C-alpha atoms as a PDB file:
ATOM      1  CA  UNK A   1     -43.707 -20.649  20.027  1.00  0.00           C
ATOM      2  CA  UNK A   2     -40.151 -21.002  21.581  1.00  0.00           C
ATOM      3  CA  UNK A   3     -39.222 -21.004  24.976  1.00  0.00           C
ATOM      4  CA  UNK A   4     -35.690 -20.061  26.033  1.00  0.00           C
ATOM      5  CA  UNK A   5     -35.734 -21.322  30.021  1.00  0.00           C
ATOM      6  CA  UNK A   6     -32.388 -19.209  32.549  1.00  0.00           C
ATOM      7  CA  UNK A   7     -29.882 -20.755  32.076  1.00  0.00           C
ATOM      8  CA  UNK A   8     -30.194 -20.314  27.744  1.00  0.00           C
ATOM      9  CA  UNK A   9     -31.138 -16.601  27.780  1.00  0.00           C
ATOM     10  CA  UNK A  10     -28.342 -15.308  30.433  1.00  0.00           C
ATOM     11  CA  UNK A  11     -25.521 -17.322  27.991  1.00  0.00           C
ATOM     12  CA  UNK A  12     -27.024 -15.670  24.728  1.00  0.00           C
ATOM     13  CA  UNK A  13     -26.641 -11.977  27.127  1.00  0.00           C
ATOM     14  CA  UNK A  14     -23.539 -12.781  27.955  1.00  0.00           C
ATOM     15  CA  UNK A  15     -22.368 -13.139  24.606  1.00  0.00           C
ATOM     16  CA  UNK A  16     -24.291 -10.171  23.253  1.00  0.00           C
ATOM     17  CA  UNK A  17     -22.262  -8.210  26.461  1.00  0.00           C
ATOM     18  CA  UNK A  18     -19.331 -10.087  24.925  1.00  0.00           C
ATOM     19  CA  UNK A  19     -19.484  -9.426  21.423  1.00  0.00           C
ATOM     20  CA  UNK A  20     -20.282  -5.500  22.431  1.00  0.00           C
ATOM     21  CA  UNK A  21     -17.142  -4.818  24.603  1.00  0.00           C
ATOM     22  CA  UNK A  22     -14.505  -6.467  22.102  1.00  0.00           C
ATOM     23  CA  UNK A  23     -15.985  -5.242  18.926  1.00  0.00           C
ATOM     24  CA  UNK A  24     -16.797  -1.357  20.605  1.00  0.00           C
ATOM     25  CA  UNK A  25     -13.369  -0.987  22.093  1.00  0.00           C
ATOM     26  CA  UNK A  26     -11.502   2.002  23.201  1.00  0.00           C
ATOM     27  CA  UNK A  27     -10.168   2.172  19.526  1.00  0.00           C
ATOM     28  CA  UNK A  28     -12.815   1.166  17.703  1.00  0.00           C
ATOM     29  CA  UNK A  29     -14.407   4.394  19.720  1.00  0.00           C
ATOM     30  CA  UNK A  30     -11.475   6.462  18.892  1.00  0.00           C
ATOM     31  CA  UNK A  31     -12.066   6.048  15.307  1.00  0.00           C
ATOM     32  CA  UNK A  32     -15.856   7.071  15.226  1.00  0.00           C
ATOM     33  CA  UNK A  33     -14.531   9.968  16.891  1.00  0.00           C
ATOM     34  CA  UNK A  34     -12.829  10.498  14.541  1.00  0.00           C
ATOM     35  CA  UNK A  35     -15.340  11.273  11.978  1.00  0.00           C
ATOM     36  CA  UNK A  36     -17.589  12.812  14.078  1.00  0.00           C
ATOM     37  CA  UNK A  37     -14.856  15.426  14.175  1.00  0.00           C
ATOM     38  CA  UNK A  38     -15.028  16.265   9.994  1.00  0.00           C
ATOM     39  CA  UNK A  39     -18.367  17.707  10.704  1.00  0.00           C
ATOM     40  CA  UNK A  40     -16.754  20.507  12.931  1.00  0.00           C
ATOM     41  CA  UNK A  41     -13.886  20.911  10.825  1.00  0.00           C
ATOM     42  CA  UNK A  42     -15.755  21.825   7.390  1.00  0.00           C
ATOM     43  CA  UNK A  43     -17.800  24.204   9.181  1.00  0.00           C
ATOM     44  CA  UNK A  44     -14.235  25.799  10.641  1.00  0.00           C
ATOM     45  CA  UNK A  45     -13.009  26.023   7.226  1.00  0.00           C
ATOM     46  CA  UNK A  46     -16.840  26.903   5.876  1.00  0.00           C
ATOM     47  CA  UNK A  47     -17.344  29.940   7.900  1.00  0.00           C
ATOM     48  CA  UNK A  48     -13.084  31.279   8.326  1.00  0.00           C
ATOM     49  CA  UNK A  49     -12.873  34.193   6.696  1.00  0.00           C
ATOM     50  CA  UNK A  50     -12.833  37.869   7.703  1.00  0.00           C
ATOM     51  CA  UNK A  51     -13.035  38.752  10.915  1.00  0.00           C
ATOM     52  CA  UNK A  52     -13.194  34.973  11.784  1.00  0.00           C
ATOM     53  CA  UNK A  53      -8.948  34.145  11.007  1.00  0.00           C
ATOM     54  CA  UNK A  54      -8.770  31.945  14.094  1.00  0.00           C
ATOM     55  CA  UNK A  55     -11.212  29.470  12.631  1.00  0.00           C
ATOM     56  CA  UNK A  56      -8.667  28.384  10.709  1.00  0.00           C
ATOM     57  CA  UNK A  57      -6.480  27.639  14.147  1.00  0.00           C
ATOM     58  CA  UNK A  58      -9.643  26.058  15.282  1.00  0.00           C
ATOM     59  CA  UNK A  59      -9.681  23.831  11.928  1.00  0.00           C
ATOM     60  CA  UNK A  60      -5.824  23.005  12.450  1.00  0.00           C
ATOM     61  CA  UNK A  61      -6.095  21.586  16.140  1.00  0.00           C
ATOM     62  CA  UNK A  62      -9.043  20.011  14.605  1.00  0.00           C
ATOM     63  CA  UNK A  63      -7.469  17.964  11.831  1.00  0.00           C
ATOM     64  CA  UNK A  64      -4.427  17.854  14.124  1.00  0.00           C
ATOM     65  CA  UNK A  65      -5.781  15.944  17.236  1.00  0.00           C
ATOM     66  CA  UNK A  66      -7.809  13.578  14.221  1.00  0.00           C
ATOM     67  CA  UNK A  67      -4.051  12.383  13.382  1.00  0.00           C
ATOM     68  CA  UNK A  68      -2.575  12.098  16.380  1.00  0.00           C
ATOM     69  CA  UNK A  69      -5.979   9.453  17.149  1.00  0.00           C
ATOM     70  CA  UNK A  70      -5.449   8.105  13.629  1.00  0.00           C
ATOM     71  CA  UNK A  71      -2.214   6.742  15.351  1.00  0.00           C
ATOM     72  CA  UNK A  72      -3.704   6.081  19.003  1.00  0.00           C
ATOM     73  CA  UNK A  73      -6.311   3.835  18.419  1.00  0.00           C
ATOM     74  CA  UNK A  74      -4.181   1.501  15.823  1.00  0.00           C
ATOM     75  CA  UNK A  75      -1.862   1.696  18.887  1.00  0.00           C
ATOM     76  CA  UNK A  76      -4.414   0.807  21.674  1.00  0.00           C
ATOM     77  CA  UNK A  77      -5.519  -2.166  19.778  1.00  0.00           C
ATOM     78  CA  UNK A  78      -2.500  -3.911  19.304  1.00  0.00           C
ATOM     79  CA  UNK A  79      -1.019  -3.080  22.625  1.00  0.00           C
ATOM     80  CA  UNK A  80      -4.645  -4.449  24.216  1.00  0.00           C
ATOM     81  CA  UNK A  81      -5.393  -7.099  21.581  1.00  0.00           C
ATOM     82  CA  UNK A  82      -8.298  -5.911  20.532  1.00  0.00           C
ATOM     83  CA  UNK A  83      -7.506  -6.076  16.836  1.00  0.00           C
ATOM     84  CA  UNK A  84     -11.436  -6.443  15.153  1.00  0.00           C
ATOM     85  CA  UNK A  85     -13.483  -6.687  11.835  1.00  0.00           C
ATOM     86  CA  UNK A  86     -14.725  -3.213  12.532  1.00  0.00           C
ATOM     87  CA  UNK A  87     -11.978  -2.052  13.778  1.00  0.00           C
ATOM     88  CA  UNK A  88      -9.894  -2.878  10.486  1.00  0.00           C
ATOM     89  CA  UNK A  89     -12.935  -1.151   8.712  1.00  0.00           C
ATOM     90  CA  UNK A  90     -13.369   1.858  10.520  1.00  0.00           C
ATOM     91  CA  UNK A  91      -9.991   2.895  11.073  1.00  0.00           C
ATOM     92  CA  UNK A  92      -8.766   3.386   7.030  1.00  0.00           C
ATOM     93  CA  UNK A  93     -12.831   4.075   6.661  1.00  0.00           C
ATOM     94  CA  UNK A  94     -12.006   7.196   8.633  1.00  0.00           C
ATOM     95  CA  UNK A  95      -9.186   7.981   7.140  1.00  0.00           C
ATOM     96  CA  UNK A  96      -9.878   8.496   3.615  1.00  0.00           C
ATOM     97  CA  UNK A  97     -13.714  10.504   5.028  1.00  0.00           C
ATOM     98  CA  UNK A  98     -11.185  12.533   6.820  1.00  0.00           C
ATOM     99  CA  UNK A  99      -8.645  13.988   4.578  1.00  0.00           C
ATOM    100  CA  UNK A 100     -11.072  13.589   0.970  1.00  0.00           C
ATOM    101  CA  UNK A 101     -13.393  16.008   3.188  1.00  0.00           C
ATOM    102  CA  UNK A 102      -9.778  17.704   4.398  1.00  0.00           C
ATOM    103  CA  UNK A 103      -8.437  17.992   0.319  1.00  0.00           C
ATOM    104  CA  UNK A 104     -11.969  18.689  -1.281  1.00  0.00           C
ATOM    105  CA  UNK A 105     -12.909  22.030   1.569  1.00  0.00           C
ATOM    106  CA  UNK A 106      -9.474  23.256   1.046  1.00  0.00           C
ATOM    107  CA  UNK A 107      -9.422  23.294  -2.986  1.00  0.00           C
ATOM    108  CA  UNK A 108     -13.443  24.318  -3.177  1.00  0.00           C
ATOM    109  CA  UNK A 109     -14.227  26.630  -0.026  1.00  0.00           C
ATOM    110  CA  UNK A 110     -13.805  30.154  -1.636  1.00  0.00           C
ATOM    111  CA  UNK A 111     -13.584  31.798   1.757  1.00  0.00           C
ATOM    112  CA  UNK A 112     -10.529  30.650   1.473  1.00  0.00           C
ATOM    113  CA  UNK A 113      -7.270  32.499   0.590  1.00  0.00           C
ATOM    114  CA  UNK A 114      -5.861  31.086  -2.976  1.00  0.00           C
ATOM    115  CA  UNK A 115      -2.110  30.836  -1.682  1.00  0.00           C
ATOM    116  CA  UNK A 116      -3.607  28.165   1.223  1.00  0.00           C
ATOM    117  CA  UNK A 117      -6.273  26.765  -1.752  1.00  0.00           C
ATOM    118  CA  UNK A 118      -5.293  22.622  -2.918  1.00  0.00           C
ATOM    119  CA  UNK A 119      -4.985  22.030  -6.412  1.00  0.00           C
ATOM    120  CA  UNK A 120      -8.085  20.400  -8.330  1.00  0.00           C
ATOM    121  CA  UNK A 121      -5.172  18.332 -10.247  1.00  0.00           C
ATOM    122  CA  UNK A 122      -4.128  16.956  -6.663  1.00  0.00           C
ATOM    123  CA  UNK A 123      -8.210  16.650  -4.944  1.00  0.00           C
ATOM    124  CA  UNK A 124      -8.849  14.314  -8.332  1.00  0.00           C
ATOM    125  CA  UNK A 125      -5.826  11.886  -7.785  1.00  0.00           C
ATOM    126  CA  UNK A 126      -6.929  11.746  -3.883  1.00  0.00           C
ATOM    127  CA  UNK A 127      -9.948  10.729  -4.386  1.00  0.00           C
ATOM    128  CA  UNK A 128      -9.350   9.019  -7.976  1.00  0.00           C
ATOM    129  CA  UNK A 129      -7.113   6.398  -5.758  1.00  0.00           C
ATOM    130  CA  UNK A 130      -9.575   6.020  -3.085  1.00  0.00           C
ATOM    131  CA  UNK A 131     -12.420   5.082  -5.435  1.00  0.00           C
ATOM    132  CA  UNK A 132     -10.583   3.032  -7.394  1.00  0.00           C
ATOM    133  CA  UNK A 133      -9.095   1.123  -3.970  1.00  0.00           C
ATOM    134  CA  UNK A 134     -12.778   0.533  -2.418  1.00  0.00           C
ATOM    135  CA  UNK A 135     -14.077  -0.505  -5.884  1.00  0.00           C
ATOM    136  CA  UNK A 136     -11.458  -2.961  -6.330  1.00  0.00           C
ATOM    137  CA  UNK A 137     -11.916  -4.542  -3.277  1.00  0.00           C
ATOM    138  CA  UNK A 138     -15.585  -4.917  -3.900  1.00  0.00           C
ATOM    139  CA  UNK A 139     -14.571  -6.738  -6.705  1.00  0.00           C
ATOM    140  CA  UNK A 140     -12.154  -8.826  -5.136  1.00  0.00           C
ATOM    141  CA  UNK A 141     -14.399  -9.999  -2.589  1.00  0.00           C
ATOM    142  CA  UNK A 142     -17.379 -10.786  -4.899  1.00  0.00           C
ATOM    143  CA  UNK A 143     -15.568 -12.617  -7.192  1.00  0.00           C
ATOM    144  CA  UNK A 144     -13.364 -14.065  -4.085  1.00  0.00           C
ATOM    145  CA  UNK A 145     -16.916 -15.000  -2.295  1.00  0.00           C
ATOM    146  CA  UNK A 146     -15.984 -12.800   0.452  1.00  0.00           C
ATOM    147  CA  UNK A 147     -12.107 -13.924   1.241  1.00  0.00           C
ATOM    148  CA  UNK A 148     -10.434 -10.196   0.963  1.00  0.00           C
ATOM    149  CA  UNK A 149      -6.459 -10.645   2.009  1.00  0.00           C
ATOM    150  CA  UNK A 150      -5.372  -7.182   0.278  1.00  0.00           C
ATOM    151  CA  UNK A 151      -4.241  -5.309   3.564  1.00  0.00           C
ATOM    152  CA  UNK A 152      -2.340  -1.651   4.447  1.00  0.00           C
ATOM    153  CA  UNK A 153       1.099  -1.827   2.679  1.00  0.00           C
ATOM    154  CA  UNK A 154       4.048   0.784   3.834  1.00  0.00           C
ATOM    155  CA  UNK A 155       3.538   2.330   0.580  1.00  0.00           C
ATOM    156  CA  UNK A 156      -0.037   2.835   2.098  1.00  0.00           C
ATOM    157  CA  UNK A 157       0.546   4.123   5.449  1.00  0.00           C
ATOM    158  CA  UNK A 158       2.891   6.639   3.431  1.00  0.00           C
ATOM    159  CA  UNK A 159       0.411   7.830   1.535  1.00  0.00           C
ATOM    160  CA  UNK A 160      -1.431   8.766   4.505  1.00  0.00           C
ATOM    161  CA  UNK A 161       1.369  10.050   6.391  1.00  0.00           C
ATOM    162  CA  UNK A 162       2.109  12.252   3.548  1.00  0.00           C
ATOM    163  CA  UNK A 163      -1.856  13.665   2.541  1.00  0.00           C
ATOM    164  CA  UNK A 164      -2.342  14.132   5.978  1.00  0.00           C
ATOM    165  CA  UNK A 165       1.103  16.357   6.779  1.00  0.00           C
ATOM    166  CA  UNK A 166       0.496  17.957   3.594  1.00  0.00           C
ATOM    167  CA  UNK A 167      -3.157  19.156   5.505  1.00  0.00           C
ATOM    168  CA  UNK A 168      -1.247  20.657   8.644  1.00  0.00           C
ATOM    169  CA  UNK A 169       1.203  22.775   6.260  1.00  0.00           C
ATOM    170  CA  UNK A 170      -1.784  24.348   4.300  1.00  0.00           C
ATOM    171  CA  UNK A 171      -3.796  24.811   7.321  1.00  0.00           C
ATOM    172  CA  UNK A 172      -0.703  26.091   9.498  1.00  0.00           C
ATOM    173  CA  UNK A 173      -0.072  28.801   6.713  1.00  0.00           C
ATOM    174  CA  UNK A 174       3.813  27.691   6.781  1.00  0.00           C
ATOM    175  CA  UNK A 175       6.095  29.014   3.647  1.00  0.00           C
ATOM    176  CA  UNK A 176       6.642  26.150   2.259  1.00  0.00           C
ATOM    177  CA  UNK A 177       3.273  24.600   1.692  1.00  0.00           C
ATOM    178  CA  UNK A 178       2.996  23.345  -1.429  1.00  0.00           C
ATOM    179  CA  UNK A 179       6.135  21.666  -1.409  1.00  0.00           C
ATOM    180  CA  UNK A 180       4.796  18.838   0.674  1.00  0.00           C
ATOM    181  CA  UNK A 181       2.074  18.404  -1.521  1.00  0.00           C
ATOM    182  CA  UNK A 182       4.383  16.722  -4.388  1.00  0.00           C
ATOM    183  CA  UNK A 183       5.218  13.693  -2.160  1.00  0.00           C
ATOM    184  CA  UNK A 184       1.951  13.106  -1.237  1.00  0.00           C
ATOM    185  CA  UNK A 185       0.857  12.442  -4.600  1.00  0.00           C
ATOM    186  CA  UNK A 186       3.445  11.043  -5.446  1.00  0.00           C
ATOM    187  CA  UNK A 187       3.153   8.016  -2.649  1.00  0.00           C
ATOM    188  CA  UNK A 188      -0.811   8.367  -3.180  1.00  0.00           C
ATOM    189  CA  UNK A 189      -0.193   7.270  -7.302  1.00  0.00           C
ATOM    190  CA  UNK A 190       2.615   5.066  -6.133  1.00  0.00           C
ATOM    191  CA  UNK A 191       0.139   3.036  -3.650  1.00  0.00           C
ATOM    192  CA  UNK A 192      -2.502   3.531  -6.052  1.00  0.00           C
ATOM    193  CA  UNK A 193       0.207   1.248  -8.988  1.00  0.00           C
ATOM    194  CA  UNK A 194       0.930  -1.194  -5.700  1.00  0.00           C
ATOM    195  CA  UNK A 195      -2.893  -1.892  -4.731  1.00  0.00           C
ATOM    196  CA  UNK A 196      -4.351  -2.497  -8.418  1.00  0.00           C
ATOM    197  CA  UNK A 197      -0.817  -4.995  -8.891  1.00  0.00           C
ATOM    198  CA  UNK A 198      -1.635  -6.637  -5.651  1.00  0.00           C
ATOM    199  CA  UNK A 199      -5.115  -6.875  -6.427  1.00  0.00           C
ATOM    200  CA  UNK A 200      -4.193  -8.678 -10.074  1.00  0.00           C
ATOM    201  CA  UNK A 201      -2.177 -10.824  -8.412  1.00  0.00           C
ATOM    202  CA  UNK A 202      -4.786 -12.518  -6.116  1.00  0.00           C
ATOM    203  CA  UNK A 203      -7.748 -11.938  -9.077  1.00  0.00           C
ATOM    204  CA  UNK A 204      -5.037 -14.060 -11.151  1.00  0.00           C
ATOM    205  CA  UNK A 205      -4.466 -16.693  -8.308  1.00  0.00           C
ATOM    206  CA  UNK A 206      -8.098 -17.547  -7.428  1.00  0.00           C
ATOM    207  CA  UNK A 207      -8.469 -17.965 -11.797  1.00  0.00           C
ATOM    208  CA  UNK A 208      -6.215 -20.389 -11.642  1.00  0.00           C
ATOM    209  CA  UNK A 209      -8.382 -22.442  -8.544  1.00  0.00           C
END
C-alpha cells in the first residue's frame, strides 16, 4: 500500500489544477462551443420549410457565430499565450466538423430549395480532401513514431475562409452565391495537393534518417 504525505498530495493537486487550467482555457472552451453549435445548426436546416422560413436565418446566425468564434479562439490563444496541444487539435477538428456538416446539410436535405443547394460533387471534394488529410496525418504520425510536423499553411487557411464564406452566402440566398463556390473548391483542391506534397516530403526525410 502506497501512502502519500500531505505535501505530495498538495503538489499533485496543484499540478492537476495547473494542467486543467492551461488545457481547458478560454480558447479551447470556445472551440468546444463551436462543436456544440453543430447539432443546432443542422436542426435549423432540417426543420426549415414552408411556414418556418425564419429557421434559415437562425441557421445563418449560428454559422456566423461559429465563424467569428473561429477567429476569436485563435486570437485569444496567441494573445494570452495559451496555445496548447489540445487546442491545436480541437480548433481544426471543430472547423472540419462544422464545414462538412454544413456542406452535407445544404446538399442532402430536401427541404432546401434547389437554388440554395450545394452540388454533390462539391461536397465530395470537400470531404475527400479532409479524409485524405486525416489519414495522411495518421500515417505520418505512426511512421515518425509520434512526430507530426505538418502545420496549417496559408492555402489551408484560405480554404477554410472560402468554404465558410460559401456556406454563409448560400444561407443568405445571395443572388450570385454560386460564384463563391468555385474559388472555395479551387482552394480545396490546391490545399489538398499542398498537404500531399508536404506530407510526402516529410516521409521522404524520415526514410533518409
